[in-house]
């Protein structure tokens, strides 16, 4: 895992940057593309166990996928609001 964004299901579930995903649900993961596909196919709001290698130990975390479309809209609005505030401040 290269990046875990704050306040996302990955963050809330306990995934960390540097974790290596070994298994999602009952499926062994061999590539990052396979991990993305399995996460994309996961049921919204249902717990999804993920086995990771962290350092030299395996850990199981539970992530609850959400529909990110609404979250992305909210993030865009917040970014636009901050940009407008910055513009007003520098005028």
Protein backbone atom coordinates (compact mmCIF):
# COMPACT_ATOMS: atom_id res chain seq x y z
CA UNK A 1 0.00 0.00 0.00
CA UNK A 2 1.53 3.27 -1.11
CA UNK A 3 -0.94 5.71 0.42
CA UNK A 4 -3.78 5.54 2.95
CA UNK A 5 -5.97 8.63 2.88
CA UNK A 6 -7.38 9.94 6.18
CA UNK A 7 -11.00 9.19 7.07
CA UNK A 8 -11.39 6.49 4.41
CA UNK A 9 -12.48 2.91 5.00
CA UNK A 10 -8.84 1.83 4.59
CA UNK A 11 -7.70 4.26 7.30
CA UNK A 12 -10.59 3.42 9.61
CA UNK A 13 -10.03 -0.30 9.10
CA UNK A 14 -6.38 -0.07 10.12
CA UNK A 15 -4.53 -0.40 6.81
CA UNK A 16 -1.16 1.34 6.79
CA UNK A 17 1.24 2.59 4.19
CA UNK A 18 3.78 -0.14 3.50
CA UNK A 19 1.34 -3.00 4.19
CA UNK A 20 1.45 -5.76 1.58
CA UNK A 21 -1.99 -7.19 0.83
CA UNK A 22 -1.92 -10.99 0.87
CA UNK A 23 -5.63 -11.83 0.90
CA UNK A 24 -8.96 -10.06 0.47
CA UNK A 25 -11.92 -11.99 1.76
CA UNK A 26 -11.23 -15.59 0.80
CA UNK A 27 -9.17 -14.69 -2.28
CA UNK A 28 -5.36 -14.80 -2.26
CA UNK A 29 -3.97 -11.65 -3.89
CA UNK A 30 -1.05 -11.96 -6.30
CA UNK A 31 -0.94 -8.49 -7.90
CA UNK A 32 -1.96 -4.94 -7.09
CA UNK A 33 -4.39 -5.01 -10.04
CA UNK A 34 -6.05 -8.07 -8.55
CA UNK A 35 -6.33 -6.31 -5.17
CA UNK A 36 -8.01 -3.28 -6.81
CA UNK A 37 -10.42 -5.54 -8.69
CA UNK A 38 -11.41 -7.44 -5.54
CA UNK A 39 -11.92 -4.22 -3.59
CA UNK A 40 -13.97 -2.71 -6.43
CA UNK A 41 -16.18 -5.83 -6.45
CA UNK A 42 -16.69 -5.82 -2.67
CA UNK A 43 -20.17 -5.23 -1.31
CA UNK A 44 -20.82 -1.73 -0.01
CA UNK A 45 -21.15 -1.45 3.79
CA UNK A 46 -20.27 -5.11 4.40
CA UNK A 47 -17.20 -6.02 6.43
CA UNK A 48 -14.29 -7.17 4.28
CA UNK A 49 -11.39 -8.98 5.99
CA UNK A 50 -7.99 -8.15 4.52
CA UNK A 51 -4.81 -10.03 5.43
CA UNK A 52 -1.66 -7.95 5.15
CA UNK A 53 2.03 -8.44 5.73
CA UNK A 54 3.29 -5.68 8.01
CA UNK A 55 7.00 -5.96 8.55
CA UNK A 56 7.52 -9.66 9.15
CA UNK A 57 4.08 -10.40 10.66
CA UNK A 58 0.68 -11.08 9.17
CA UNK A 59 -2.25 -9.00 10.38
CA UNK A 60 -5.94 -9.18 9.57
CA UNK A 61 -7.85 -5.92 9.37
CA UNK A 62 -11.51 -5.40 8.60
CA UNK A 63 -12.54 -2.73 6.14
CA UNK A 64 -16.09 -1.65 5.40
CA UNK A 65 -16.24 -0.44 1.77
CA UNK A 66 -18.41 2.60 1.04
CA UNK A 67 -19.68 4.24 -2.11
CA UNK A 68 -16.95 6.82 -2.73
CA UNK A 69 -18.96 8.84 -5.29
CA UNK A 70 -20.66 10.92 -2.58
CA UNK A 71 -17.42 11.32 -0.66
CA UNK A 72 -15.59 12.52 -3.78
CA UNK A 73 -18.28 15.14 -4.41
CA UNK A 74 -17.94 16.37 -0.84
CA UNK A 75 -14.14 16.54 -1.14
CA UNK A 76 -14.42 18.56 -4.38
CA UNK A 77 -16.82 21.04 -2.74
CA UNK A 78 -14.50 21.44 0.23
CA UNK A 79 -11.52 22.03 -2.07
CA UNK A 80 -13.46 24.63 -4.10
CA UNK A 81 -14.53 26.40 -0.91
CA UNK A 82 -10.91 26.56 0.32
CA UNK A 83 -9.75 27.87 -3.05
CA UNK A 84 -12.38 30.63 -2.98
CA UNK A 85 -11.37 31.57 0.56
CA UNK A 86 -7.75 31.76 -0.53
CA UNK A 87 -8.65 33.92 -3.52
CA UNK A 88 -10.58 36.33 -1.30
CA UNK A 89 -7.79 36.45 1.24
CA UNK A 90 -5.17 37.38 -1.38
CA UNK A 91 -7.21 40.12 -3.10
